[in-house]
Amino acid sequence: GSERLFSEVALPESIVRAVATGDGPVGALLTLGRALENEPPRTAE
């Protein structure tokens, strides 16, 4: 589980928030990366 994994190492809050909730600029890039893994056309960039 992610809670157990993140308890093993103190990663920056920006990374934890990006993975957990998609928040912040890193989270926005992660959301876009996930969108590219689906066939329907993405929102214009």
PDB file of all heavy atoms in Angstrom:
ATOM      1  N   GLY A   1       0.802  -1.210   0.000  1.00  0.00           N
ATOM      2  CA  GLY A   1       0.000   0.000   0.000  1.00  0.00           C
ATOM      3  C   GLY A   1       0.839   1.267   0.000  1.00  0.00           C
ATOM      4  O   GLY A   1       1.943   1.305   0.545  1.00  0.00           O
ATOM      5  N   SER A   2       0.305   2.333  -0.622  1.00  0.00           N
ATOM      6  CA  SER A   2       1.057   3.579  -0.748  1.00  0.00           C
ATOM      7  C   SER A   2       1.380   4.195   0.613  1.00  0.00           C
ATOM      8  O   SER A   2       2.470   4.753   0.803  1.00  0.00           O
ATOM      9  CB  SER A   2       0.266   4.575  -1.602  1.00  0.00           C
ATOM     10  OG  SER A   2      -1.008   4.828  -1.037  1.00  0.00           O
ATOM     11  N   GLU A   3       0.474   4.090   1.574  1.00  0.00           N
ATOM     12  CA  GLU A   3       0.741   4.659   2.895  1.00  0.00           C
ATOM     13  C   GLU A   3       1.950   3.988   3.533  1.00  0.00           C
ATOM     14  O   GLU A   3       2.821   4.655   4.107  1.00  0.00           O
ATOM     15  CB  GLU A   3      -0.495   4.503   3.794  1.00  0.00           C
ATOM     16  CG  GLU A   3      -0.322   5.131   5.167  1.00  0.00           C
ATOM     17  CD  GLU A   3      -1.605   5.060   5.990  1.00  0.00           C
ATOM     18  OE1 GLU A   3      -2.681   4.794   5.419  1.00  0.00           O
ATOM     19  OE2 GLU A   3      -1.513   5.257   7.223  1.00  0.00           O
ATOM     20  N   ARG A   4       2.023   2.684   3.399  1.00  0.00           N
ATOM     21  CA  ARG A   4       3.145   1.941   3.953  1.00  0.00           C
ATOM     22  C   ARG A   4       4.444   2.273   3.205  1.00  0.00           C
ATOM     23  O   ARG A   4       5.509   2.451   3.806  1.00  0.00           O
ATOM     24  CB  ARG A   4       2.839   0.453   3.870  1.00  0.00           C
ATOM     25  CG  ARG A   4       3.925  -0.457   4.429  1.00  0.00           C
ATOM     26  CD  ARG A   4       3.448  -1.884   4.361  1.00  0.00           C
ATOM     27  NE  ARG A   4       4.536  -2.830   4.494  1.00  0.00           N
ATOM     28  CZ  ARG A   4       4.442  -4.102   4.116  1.00  0.00           C
ATOM     29  NH1 ARG A   4       3.327  -4.554   3.596  1.00  0.00           N
ATOM     30  NH2 ARG A   4       5.472  -4.910   4.279  1.00  0.00           N
ATOM     31  N   LEU A   5       4.341   2.381   1.856  1.00  0.00           N
ATOM     32  CA  LEU A   5       5.529   2.719   1.073  1.00  0.00           C
ATOM     33  C   LEU A   5       6.069   4.094   1.435  1.00  0.00           C
ATOM     34  O   LEU A   5       7.267   4.277   1.650  1.00  0.00           O
ATOM     35  CB  LEU A   5       5.202   2.669  -0.419  1.00  0.00           C
ATOM     36  CG  LEU A   5       5.201   1.294  -1.083  1.00  0.00           C
ATOM     37  CD1 LEU A   5       4.631   1.388  -2.491  1.00  0.00           C
ATOM     38  CD2 LEU A   5       6.607   0.727  -1.126  1.00  0.00           C
ATOM     39  N   PHE A   6       5.184   5.082   1.483  1.00  0.00           N
ATOM     40  CA  PHE A   6       5.626   6.444   1.753  1.00  0.00           C
ATOM     41  C   PHE A   6       6.122   6.608   3.188  1.00  0.00           C
ATOM     42  O   PHE A   6       6.885   7.531   3.483  1.00  0.00           O
ATOM     43  CB  PHE A   6       4.504   7.440   1.454  1.00  0.00           C
ATOM     44  CG  PHE A   6       4.271   7.657  -0.017  1.00  0.00           C
ATOM     45  CD1 PHE A   6       2.995   7.590  -0.543  1.00  0.00           C
ATOM     46  CD2 PHE A   6       5.329   7.910  -0.874  1.00  0.00           C
ATOM     47  CE1 PHE A   6       2.776   7.790  -1.898  1.00  0.00           C
ATOM     48  CE2 PHE A   6       5.123   8.098  -2.234  1.00  0.00           C
ATOM     49  CZ  PHE A   6       3.841   8.040  -2.749  1.00  0.00           C
ATOM     50  N   SER A   7       5.705   5.708   4.072  1.00  0.00           N
ATOM     51  CA  SER A   7       6.215   5.785   5.435  1.00  0.00           C
ATOM     52  C   SER A   7       7.658   5.308   5.528  1.00  0.00           C
ATOM     53  O   SER A   7       8.365   5.599   6.496  1.00  0.00           O
ATOM     54  CB  SER A   7       5.339   4.955   6.378  1.00  0.00           C
ATOM     55  OG  SER A   7       5.500   3.559   6.132  1.00  0.00           O
ATOM     56  N   GLU A   8       8.104   4.558   4.500  1.00  0.00           N
ATOM     57  CA  GLU A   8       9.466   4.026   4.496  1.00  0.00           C
ATOM     58  C   GLU A   8      10.503   5.068   4.082  1.00  0.00           C
ATOM     59  O   GLU A   8      11.688   4.906   4.335  1.00  0.00           O
ATOM     60  CB  GLU A   8       9.557   2.824   3.539  1.00  0.00           C
ATOM     61  CG  GLU A   8       8.668   1.649   3.899  1.00  0.00           C
ATOM     62  CD  GLU A   8       9.275   0.800   5.004  1.00  0.00           C
ATOM     63  OE1 GLU A   8      10.463   1.000   5.313  1.00  0.00           O
ATOM     64  OE2 GLU A   8       8.554  -0.047   5.561  1.00  0.00           O
ATOM     65  N   VAL A   9      10.051   6.124   3.390  1.00  0.00           N
ATOM     66  CA  VAL A   9      10.992   7.125   2.886  1.00  0.00           C
ATOM     67  C   VAL A   9      10.298   8.477   2.835  1.00  0.00           C
ATOM     68  O   VAL A   9       9.141   8.588   2.453  1.00  0.00           O
ATOM     69  CB  VAL A   9      11.513   6.728   1.486  1.00  0.00           C
ATOM     70  CG1 VAL A   9      10.393   6.543   0.498  1.00  0.00           C
ATOM     71  CG2 VAL A   9      12.516   7.741   0.980  1.00  0.00           C
ATOM     72  N   ALA A  10      11.018   9.504   3.257  1.00  0.00           N
ATOM     73  CA  ALA A  10      10.446  10.851   3.307  1.00  0.00           C
ATOM     74  C   ALA A  10      10.649  11.554   1.967  1.00  0.00           C
ATOM     75  O   ALA A  10      11.637  12.254   1.759  1.00  0.00           O
ATOM     76  CB  ALA A  10      11.095  11.655   4.434  1.00  0.00           C
ATOM     77  N   LEU A  11       9.716  11.346   1.048  1.00  0.00           N
ATOM     78  CA  LEU A  11       9.780  12.019  -0.241  1.00  0.00           C
ATOM     79  C   LEU A  11       9.244  13.446  -0.121  1.00  0.00           C
ATOM     80  O   LEU A  11       8.450  13.747   0.781  1.00  0.00           O
ATOM     81  CB  LEU A  11       8.960  11.259  -1.281  1.00  0.00           C
ATOM     82  CG  LEU A  11       9.512   9.913  -1.736  1.00  0.00           C
ATOM     83  CD1 LEU A  11       8.506   9.202  -2.624  1.00  0.00           C
ATOM     84  CD2 LEU A  11      10.836  10.091  -2.464  1.00  0.00           C
ATOM     85  N   PRO A  12       9.638  14.344  -1.045  1.00  0.00           N
ATOM     86  CA  PRO A  12       9.095  15.704  -1.020  1.00  0.00           C
ATOM     87  C   PRO A  12       7.573  15.698  -1.099  1.00  0.00           C
ATOM     88  O   PRO A  12       6.967  14.846  -1.770  1.00  0.00           O
ATOM     89  CB  PRO A  12       9.710  16.338  -2.277  1.00  0.00           C
ATOM     90  CG  PRO A  12      10.962  15.567  -2.512  1.00  0.00           C
ATOM     91  CD  PRO A  12      10.653  14.157  -2.087  1.00  0.00           C
ATOM     92  N   GLU A  13       6.954  16.655  -0.430  1.00  0.00           N
ATOM     93  CA  GLU A  13       5.497  16.730  -0.397  1.00  0.00           C
ATOM     94  C   GLU A  13       4.916  16.866  -1.801  1.00  0.00           C
ATOM     95  O   GLU A  13       3.827  16.346  -2.075  1.00  0.00           O
ATOM     96  CB  GLU A  13       5.066  17.920   0.468  1.00  0.00           C
ATOM     97  CG  GLU A  13       3.560  18.077   0.616  1.00  0.00           C
ATOM     98  CD  GLU A  13       2.895  16.907   1.319  1.00  0.00           C
ATOM     99  OE1 GLU A  13       3.589  16.177   2.061  1.00  0.00           O
ATOM    100  OE2 GLU A  13       1.678  16.715   1.121  1.00  0.00           O
ATOM    101  N   SER A  14       5.629  17.544  -2.701  1.00  0.00           N
ATOM    102  CA  SER A  14       5.118  17.726  -4.062  1.00  0.00           C
ATOM    103  C   SER A  14       4.942  16.388  -4.770  1.00  0.00           C
ATOM    104  O   SER A  14       3.995  16.202  -5.544  1.00  0.00           O
ATOM    105  CB  SER A  14       6.072  18.626  -4.869  1.00  0.00           C
ATOM    106  OG  SER A  14       7.371  18.042  -4.941  1.00  0.00           O
ATOM    107  N   ILE A  15       5.846  15.436  -4.505  1.00  0.00           N
ATOM    108  CA  ILE A  15       5.745  14.116  -5.127  1.00  0.00           C
ATOM    109  C   ILE A  15       4.601  13.327  -4.506  1.00  0.00           C
ATOM    110  O   ILE A  15       3.800  12.700  -5.210  1.00  0.00           O
ATOM    111  CB  ILE A  15       7.075  13.347  -4.985  1.00  0.00           C
ATOM    112  CG1 ILE A  15       8.179  14.056  -5.773  1.00  0.00           C
ATOM    113  CG2 ILE A  15       6.915  11.902  -5.445  1.00  0.00           C
ATOM    114  CD1 ILE A  15       9.547  13.429  -5.617  1.00  0.00           C
ATOM    115  N   VAL A  16       4.498  13.365  -3.187  1.00  0.00           N
ATOM    116  CA  VAL A  16       3.440  12.623  -2.500  1.00  0.00           C
ATOM    117  C   VAL A  16       2.069  13.121  -2.950  1.00  0.00           C
ATOM    118  O   VAL A  16       1.162  12.335  -3.261  1.00  0.00           O
ATOM    119  CB  VAL A  16       3.589  12.752  -0.972  1.00  0.00           C
ATOM    120  CG1 VAL A  16       2.421  12.082  -0.262  1.00  0.00           C
ATOM    121  CG2 VAL A  16       4.916  12.152  -0.511  1.00  0.00           C
ATOM    122  N   ARG A  17       1.900  14.451  -3.026  1.00  0.00           N
ATOM    123  CA  ARG A  17       0.608  15.014  -3.444  1.00  0.00           C
ATOM    124  C   ARG A  17       0.310  14.682  -4.902  1.00  0.00           C
ATOM    125  O   ARG A  17      -0.834  14.406  -5.266  1.00  0.00           O
ATOM    126  CB  ARG A  17       0.590  16.528  -3.241  1.00  0.00           C
ATOM    127  CG  ARG A  17       0.495  16.951  -1.785  1.00  0.00           C
ATOM    128  CD  ARG A  17       0.152  18.427  -1.635  1.00  0.00           C
ATOM    129  NE  ARG A  17       1.182  19.291  -2.210  1.00  0.00           N
ATOM    130  CZ  ARG A  17       0.995  20.078  -3.256  1.00  0.00           C
ATOM    131  NH1 ARG A  17      -0.168  20.105  -3.872  1.00  0.00           N
ATOM    132  NH2 ARG A  17       1.990  20.828  -3.709  1.00  0.00           N
ATOM    133  N   ALA A  18       1.336  14.704  -5.753  1.00  0.00           N
ATOM    134  CA  ALA A  18       1.128  14.394  -7.167  1.00  0.00           C
ATOM    135  C   ALA A  18       0.618  12.971  -7.340  1.00  0.00           C
ATOM    136  O   ALA A  18      -0.322  12.717  -8.105  1.00  0.00           O
ATOM    137  CB  ALA A  18       2.427  14.595  -7.936  1.00  0.00           C
ATOM    138  N   VAL A  19       1.230  12.023  -6.613  1.00  0.00           N
ATOM    139  CA  VAL A  19       0.850  10.619  -6.744  1.00  0.00           C
ATOM    140  C   VAL A  19      -0.505  10.358  -6.091  1.00  0.00           C
ATOM    141  O   VAL A  19      -1.351   9.644  -6.645  1.00  0.00           O
ATOM    142  CB  VAL A  19       1.928   9.713  -6.119  1.00  0.00           C
ATOM    143  CG1 VAL A  19       1.469   8.259  -6.099  1.00  0.00           C
ATOM    144  CG2 VAL A  19       3.240   9.853  -6.888  1.00  0.00           C
ATOM    145  N   ALA A  20      -0.733  10.956  -4.922  1.00  0.00           N
ATOM    146  CA  ALA A  20      -1.944  10.660  -4.156  1.00  0.00           C
ATOM    147  C   ALA A  20      -3.182  11.339  -4.720  1.00  0.00           C
ATOM    148  O   ALA A  20      -4.264  10.736  -4.774  1.00  0.00           O
ATOM    149  CB  ALA A  20      -1.744  11.062  -2.690  1.00  0.00           C
ATOM    150  N   THR A  21      -3.047  12.596  -5.149  1.00  0.00           N
ATOM    151  CA  THR A  21      -4.228  13.378  -5.536  1.00  0.00           C
ATOM    152  C   THR A  21      -4.118  14.069  -6.889  1.00  0.00           C
ATOM    153  O   THR A  21      -5.090  14.641  -7.359  1.00  0.00           O
ATOM    154  CB  THR A  21      -4.520  14.457  -4.469  1.00  0.00           C
ATOM    155  OG1 THR A  21      -3.412  15.383  -4.421  1.00  0.00           O
ATOM    156  CG2 THR A  21      -4.697  13.838  -3.090  1.00  0.00           C
ATOM    157  N   GLY A  22      -2.940  14.045  -7.502  1.00  0.00           N
ATOM    158  CA  GLY A  22      -2.770  14.742  -8.772  1.00  0.00           C
ATOM    159  C   GLY A  22      -2.640  16.242  -8.622  1.00  0.00           C
ATOM    160  O   GLY A  22      -2.770  16.975  -9.614  1.00  0.00           O
ATOM    161  N   ASP A  23      -2.365  16.722  -7.428  1.00  0.00           N
ATOM    162  CA  ASP A  23      -2.277  18.161  -7.181  1.00  0.00           C
ATOM    163  C   ASP A  23      -0.920  18.715  -7.605  1.00  0.00           C
ATOM    164  O   ASP A  23       0.080  18.002  -7.666  1.00  0.00           O
ATOM    165  CB  ASP A  23      -2.485  18.471  -5.695  1.00  0.00           C
ATOM    166  CG  ASP A  23      -3.919  18.240  -5.251  1.00  0.00           C
ATOM    167  OD1 ASP A  23      -4.791  18.167  -6.139  1.00  0.00           O
ATOM    168  OD2 ASP A  23      -4.164  18.119  -4.044  1.00  0.00           O
ATOM    169  N   GLY A  24      -0.897  20.029  -7.843  1.00  0.00           N
ATOM    170  CA  GLY A  24       0.350  20.731  -8.105  1.00  0.00           C
ATOM    171  C   GLY A  24       0.839  20.559  -9.526  1.00  0.00           C
ATOM    172  O   GLY A  24       0.270  19.793 -10.319  1.00  0.00           O
ATOM    173  N   PRO A  25       1.920  21.257  -9.894  1.00  0.00           N
ATOM    174  CA  PRO A  25       2.441  21.164 -11.265  1.00  0.00           C
ATOM    175  C   PRO A  25       2.937  19.770 -11.622  1.00  0.00           C
ATOM    176  O   PRO A  25       2.810  19.337 -12.777  1.00  0.00           O
ATOM    177  CB  PRO A  25       3.574  22.195 -11.283  1.00  0.00           C
ATOM    178  CG  PRO A  25       3.931  22.438  -9.842  1.00  0.00           C
ATOM    179  CD  PRO A  25       2.668  22.246  -9.077  1.00  0.00           C
ATOM    180  N   VAL A  26       3.514  19.055 -10.662  1.00  0.00           N
ATOM    181  CA  VAL A  26       3.934  17.676 -10.949  1.00  0.00           C
ATOM    182  C   VAL A  26       2.707  16.798 -11.161  1.00  0.00           C
ATOM    183  O   VAL A  26       2.671  15.953 -12.062  1.00  0.00           O
ATOM    184  CB  VAL A  26       4.806  17.127  -9.804  1.00  0.00           C
ATOM    185  CG1 VAL A  26       5.195  15.673 -10.065  1.00  0.00           C
ATOM    186  CG2 VAL A  26       6.058  17.975  -9.636  1.00  0.00           C
ATOM    187  N   GLY A  27       1.675  17.014 -10.352  1.00  0.00           N
ATOM    188  CA  GLY A  27       0.439  16.261 -10.512  1.00  0.00           C
ATOM    189  C   GLY A  27      -0.225  16.503 -11.856  1.00  0.00           C
ATOM    190  O   GLY A  27      -0.790  15.586 -12.462  1.00  0.00           O
ATOM    191  N   ALA A  28      -0.134  17.745 -12.357  1.00  0.00           N
ATOM    192  CA  ALA A  28      -0.718  18.054 -13.665  1.00  0.00           C
ATOM    193  C   ALA A  28      -0.010  17.284 -14.772  1.00  0.00           C
ATOM    194  O   ALA A  28      -0.655  16.781 -15.711  1.00  0.00           O
ATOM    195  CB  ALA A  28      -0.643  19.562 -13.918  1.00  0.00           C
ATOM    196  N   LEU A  29       1.304  17.170 -14.681  1.00  0.00           N
ATOM    197  CA  LEU A  29       2.053  16.403 -15.676  1.00  0.00           C
ATOM    198  C   LEU A  29       1.733  14.911 -15.579  1.00  0.00           C
ATOM    199  O   LEU A  29       1.648  14.221 -16.597  1.00  0.00           O
ATOM    200  CB  LEU A  29       3.553  16.642 -15.498  1.00  0.00           C
ATOM    201  CG  LEU A  29       4.059  18.032 -15.898  1.00  0.00           C
ATOM    202  CD1 LEU A  29       5.513  18.210 -15.468  1.00  0.00           C
ATOM    203  CD2 LEU A  29       3.926  18.246 -17.397  1.00  0.00           C
ATOM    204  N   LEU A  30       1.547  14.418 -14.353  1.00  0.00           N
ATOM    205  CA  LEU A  30       1.187  13.011 -14.174  1.00  0.00           C
ATOM    206  C   LEU A  30      -0.196  12.744 -14.757  1.00  0.00           C
ATOM    207  O   LEU A  30      -0.416  11.716 -15.417  1.00  0.00           O
ATOM    208  CB  LEU A  30       1.222  12.648 -12.691  1.00  0.00           C
ATOM    209  CG  LEU A  30       0.826  11.217 -12.321  1.00  0.00           C
ATOM    210  CD1 LEU A  30       1.668  10.193 -13.078  1.00  0.00           C
ATOM    211  CD2 LEU A  30       0.946  11.003 -10.813  1.00  0.00           C
ATOM    212  N   THR A  31      -1.129  13.667 -14.555  1.00  0.00           N
ATOM    213  CA  THR A  31      -2.472  13.514 -15.121  1.00  0.00           C
ATOM    214  C   THR A  31      -2.415  13.466 -16.642  1.00  0.00           C
ATOM    215  O   THR A  31      -3.091  12.653 -17.277  1.00  0.00           O
ATOM    216  CB  THR A  31      -3.372  14.674 -14.664  1.00  0.00           C
ATOM    217  OG1 THR A  31      -3.505  14.636 -13.231  1.00  0.00           O
ATOM    218  CG2 THR A  31      -4.754  14.578 -15.287  1.00  0.00           C
ATOM    219  N   LEU A  32      -1.587  14.320 -17.238  1.00  0.00           N
ATOM    220  CA  LEU A  32      -1.428  14.310 -18.691  1.00  0.00           C
ATOM    221  C   LEU A  32      -0.798  13.000 -19.153  1.00  0.00           C
ATOM    222  O   LEU A  32      -1.236  12.398 -20.147  1.00  0.00           O
ATOM    223  CB  LEU A  32      -0.575  15.495 -19.133  1.00  0.00           C
ATOM    224  CG  LEU A  32      -0.242  15.579 -20.626  1.00  0.00           C
ATOM    225  CD1 LEU A  32      -1.512  15.602 -21.462  1.00  0.00           C
ATOM    226  CD2 LEU A  32       0.618  16.805 -20.910  1.00  0.00           C
ATOM    227  N   GLY A  33       0.227  12.536 -18.433  1.00  0.00           N
ATOM    228  CA  GLY A  33       0.855  11.270 -18.800  1.00  0.00           C
ATOM    229  C   GLY A  33      -0.136  10.121 -18.784  1.00  0.00           C
ATOM    230  O   GLY A  33      -0.130   9.264 -19.683  1.00  0.00           O
ATOM    231  N   ARG A  34      -1.016  10.105 -17.783  1.00  0.00           N
ATOM    232  CA  ARG A  34      -2.041   9.057 -17.721  1.00  0.00           C
ATOM    233  C   ARG A  34      -3.014   9.180 -18.886  1.00  0.00           C
ATOM    234  O   ARG A  34      -3.462   8.175 -19.447  1.00  0.00           O
ATOM    235  CB  ARG A  34      -2.784   9.147 -16.389  1.00  0.00           C
ATOM    236  CG  ARG A  34      -1.982   8.633 -15.203  1.00  0.00           C
ATOM    237  CD  ARG A  34      -2.713   8.896 -13.905  1.00  0.00           C
ATOM    238  NE  ARG A  34      -2.135   8.171 -12.783  1.00  0.00           N
ATOM    239  CZ  ARG A  34      -2.116   8.626 -11.534  1.00  0.00           C
ATOM    240  NH1 ARG A  34      -2.630   9.826 -11.255  1.00  0.00           N
ATOM    241  NH2 ARG A  34      -1.574   7.913 -10.569  1.00  0.00           N
ATOM    242  N   ALA A  35      -3.358  10.419 -19.255  1.00  0.00           N
ATOM    243  CA  ALA A  35      -4.302  10.626 -20.348  1.00  0.00           C
ATOM    244  C   ALA A  35      -3.774  10.094 -21.667  1.00  0.00           C
ATOM    245  O   ALA A  35      -4.548   9.652 -22.526  1.00  0.00           O
ATOM    246  CB  ALA A  35      -4.633  12.118 -20.481  1.00  0.00           C
ATOM    247  N   LEU A  36      -2.468  10.107 -21.847  1.00  0.00           N
ATOM    248  CA  LEU A  36      -1.878   9.638 -23.094  1.00  0.00           C
ATOM    249  C   LEU A  36      -1.939   8.124 -23.233  1.00  0.00           C
ATOM    250  O   LEU A  36      -1.608   7.580 -24.290  1.00  0.00           O
ATOM    251  CB  LEU A  36      -0.415  10.083 -23.187  1.00  0.00           C
ATOM    252  CG  LEU A  36      -0.150  11.591 -23.180  1.00  0.00           C
ATOM    253  CD1 LEU A  36       1.335  11.865 -23.305  1.00  0.00           C
ATOM    254  CD2 LEU A  36      -0.913  12.281 -24.286  1.00  0.00           C
ATOM    255  N   GLU A  37      -2.337   7.440 -22.169  1.00  0.00           N
ATOM    256  CA  GLU A  37      -2.427   5.980 -22.195  1.00  0.00           C
ATOM    257  C   GLU A  37      -3.810   5.492 -22.580  1.00  0.00           C
ATOM    258  O   GLU A  37      -4.098   4.298 -22.503  1.00  0.00           O
ATOM    259  CB  GLU A  37      -2.041   5.419 -20.818  1.00  0.00           C
ATOM    260  CG  GLU A  37      -0.619   5.771 -20.410  1.00  0.00           C
ATOM    261  CD  GLU A  37      -0.400   5.699 -18.908  1.00  0.00           C
ATOM    262  OE1 GLU A  37      -1.246   5.094 -18.203  1.00  0.00           O
ATOM    263  OE2 GLU A  37       0.606   6.258 -18.426  1.00  0.00           O
ATOM    264  N   ASN A  38      -4.677   6.408 -23.009  1.00  0.00           N
ATOM    265  CA  ASN A  38      -6.043   6.060 -23.388  1.00  0.00           C
ATOM    266  C   ASN A  38      -6.293   6.488 -24.824  1.00  0.00           C
ATOM    267  O   ASN A  38      -5.776   7.511 -25.270  1.00  0.00           O
ATOM    268  CB  ASN A  38      -7.043   6.735 -22.447  1.00  0.00           C
ATOM    269  CG  ASN A  38      -6.878   6.259 -21.018  1.00  0.00           C
ATOM    270  OD1 ASN A  38      -7.140   5.109 -20.720  1.00  0.00           O
ATOM    271  ND2 ASN A  38      -6.431   7.136 -20.140  1.00  0.00           N
ATOM    272  N   GLU A  39      -7.115   5.734 -25.516  1.00  0.00           N
ATOM    273  CA  GLU A  39      -7.266   5.975 -26.942  1.00  0.00           C
ATOM    274  C   GLU A  39      -8.077   7.212 -27.291  1.00  0.00           C
ATOM    275  O   GLU A  39      -7.759   7.882 -28.281  1.00  0.00           O
ATOM    276  CB  GLU A  39      -7.883   4.743 -27.615  1.00  0.00           C
ATOM    277  CG  GLU A  39      -7.821   4.798 -29.113  1.00  0.00           C
ATOM    278  CD  GLU A  39      -8.287   3.507 -29.759  1.00  0.00           C
ATOM    279  OE1 GLU A  39      -8.480   2.511 -29.036  1.00  0.00           O
ATOM    280  OE2 GLU A  39      -8.466   3.501 -30.973  1.00  0.00           O
ATOM    281  N   PRO A  40      -9.148   7.592 -26.585  1.00  0.00           N
ATOM    282  CA  PRO A  40      -9.923   8.759 -27.023  1.00  0.00           C
ATOM    283  C   PRO A  40      -9.066  10.016 -27.101  1.00  0.00           C
ATOM    284  O   PRO A  40      -8.113  10.172 -26.338  1.00  0.00           O
ATOM    285  CB  PRO A  40     -10.995   8.893 -25.933  1.00  0.00           C
ATOM    286  CG  PRO A  40     -11.105   7.539 -25.334  1.00  0.00           C
ATOM    287  CD  PRO A  40      -9.717   6.975 -25.388  1.00  0.00           C
ATOM    288  N   PRO A  41      -9.390  10.944 -28.020  1.00  0.00           N
ATOM    289  CA  PRO A  41      -8.593  12.170 -28.148  1.00  0.00           C
ATOM    290  C   PRO A  41      -8.532  12.938 -26.839  1.00  0.00           C
ATOM    291  O   PRO A  41      -9.493  13.017 -26.099  1.00  0.00           O
ATOM    292  CB  PRO A  41      -9.342  12.966 -29.225  1.00  0.00           C
ATOM    293  CG  PRO A  41     -10.090  11.929 -29.999  1.00  0.00           C
ATOM    294  CD  PRO A  41     -10.463  10.881 -28.997  1.00  0.00           C
ATOM    295  N   ARG A  42      -7.385  13.502 -26.565  1.00  0.00           N
ATOM    296  CA  ARG A  42      -7.199  14.250 -25.327  1.00  0.00           C
ATOM    297  C   ARG A  42      -7.666  15.692 -25.515  1.00  0.00           C
ATOM    298  O   ARG A  42      -7.905  16.153 -26.621  1.00  0.00           O
ATOM    299  CB  ARG A  42      -5.722  14.247 -24.925  1.00  0.00           C
ATOM    300  CG  ARG A  42      -4.814  14.957 -25.921  1.00  0.00           C
ATOM    301  CD  ARG A  42      -3.401  15.029 -25.361  1.00  0.00           C
ATOM    302  NE  ARG A  42      -2.509  15.678 -26.281  1.00  0.00           N
ATOM    303  CZ  ARG A  42      -1.643  15.064 -27.065  1.00  0.00           C
ATOM    304  NH1 ARG A  42      -1.566  13.748 -27.040  1.00  0.00           N
ATOM    305  NH2 ARG A  42      -0.860  15.728 -27.891  1.00  0.00           N
ATOM    306  N   THR A  43      -7.768  16.416 -24.408  1.00  0.00           N
ATOM    307  CA  THR A  43      -8.070  17.831 -24.459  1.00  0.00           C
ATOM    308  C   THR A  43      -6.924  18.560 -25.137  1.00  0.00           C
ATOM    309  O   THR A  43      -5.757  18.246 -24.916  1.00  0.00           O
ATOM    310  CB  THR A  43      -8.265  18.383 -23.032  1.00  0.00           C
ATOM    311  OG1 THR A  43      -9.292  17.615 -22.394  1.00  0.00           O
ATOM    312  CG2 THR A  43      -8.666  19.842 -23.069  1.00  0.00           C
ATOM    313  N   ALA A  44      -7.257  19.544 -25.968  1.00  0.00           N
ATOM    314  CA  ALA A  44      -6.223  20.273 -26.713  1.00  0.00           C
ATOM    315  C   ALA A  44      -5.211  20.906 -25.759  1.00  0.00           C
ATOM    316  O   ALA A  44      -5.565  21.453 -24.717  1.00  0.00           O
ATOM    317  CB  ALA A  44      -6.880  21.349 -27.570  1.00  0.00           C
ATOM    318  N   GLU A  45      -3.934  20.815 -26.119  1.00  0.00           N
ATOM    319  CA  GLU A  45      -2.851  21.373 -25.330  1.00  0.00           C
ATOM    320  C   GLU A  45      -2.149  22.470 -26.121  1.00  0.00           C
ATOM    321  O   GLU A  45      -2.261  22.551 -27.344  1.00  0.00           O
ATOM    322  CB  GLU A  45      -1.847  20.273 -24.959  1.00  0.00           C
ATOM    323  CG  GLU A  45      -2.396  19.205 -24.043  1.00  0.00           C
ATOM    324  CD  GLU A  45      -2.539  19.669 -22.602  1.00  0.00           C
ATOM    325  OE1 GLU A  45      -1.883  20.654 -22.236  1.00  0.00           O
ATOM    326  OE2 GLU A  45      -3.311  19.046 -21.871  1.00  0.00           O
TER     327      GLU A  45
END
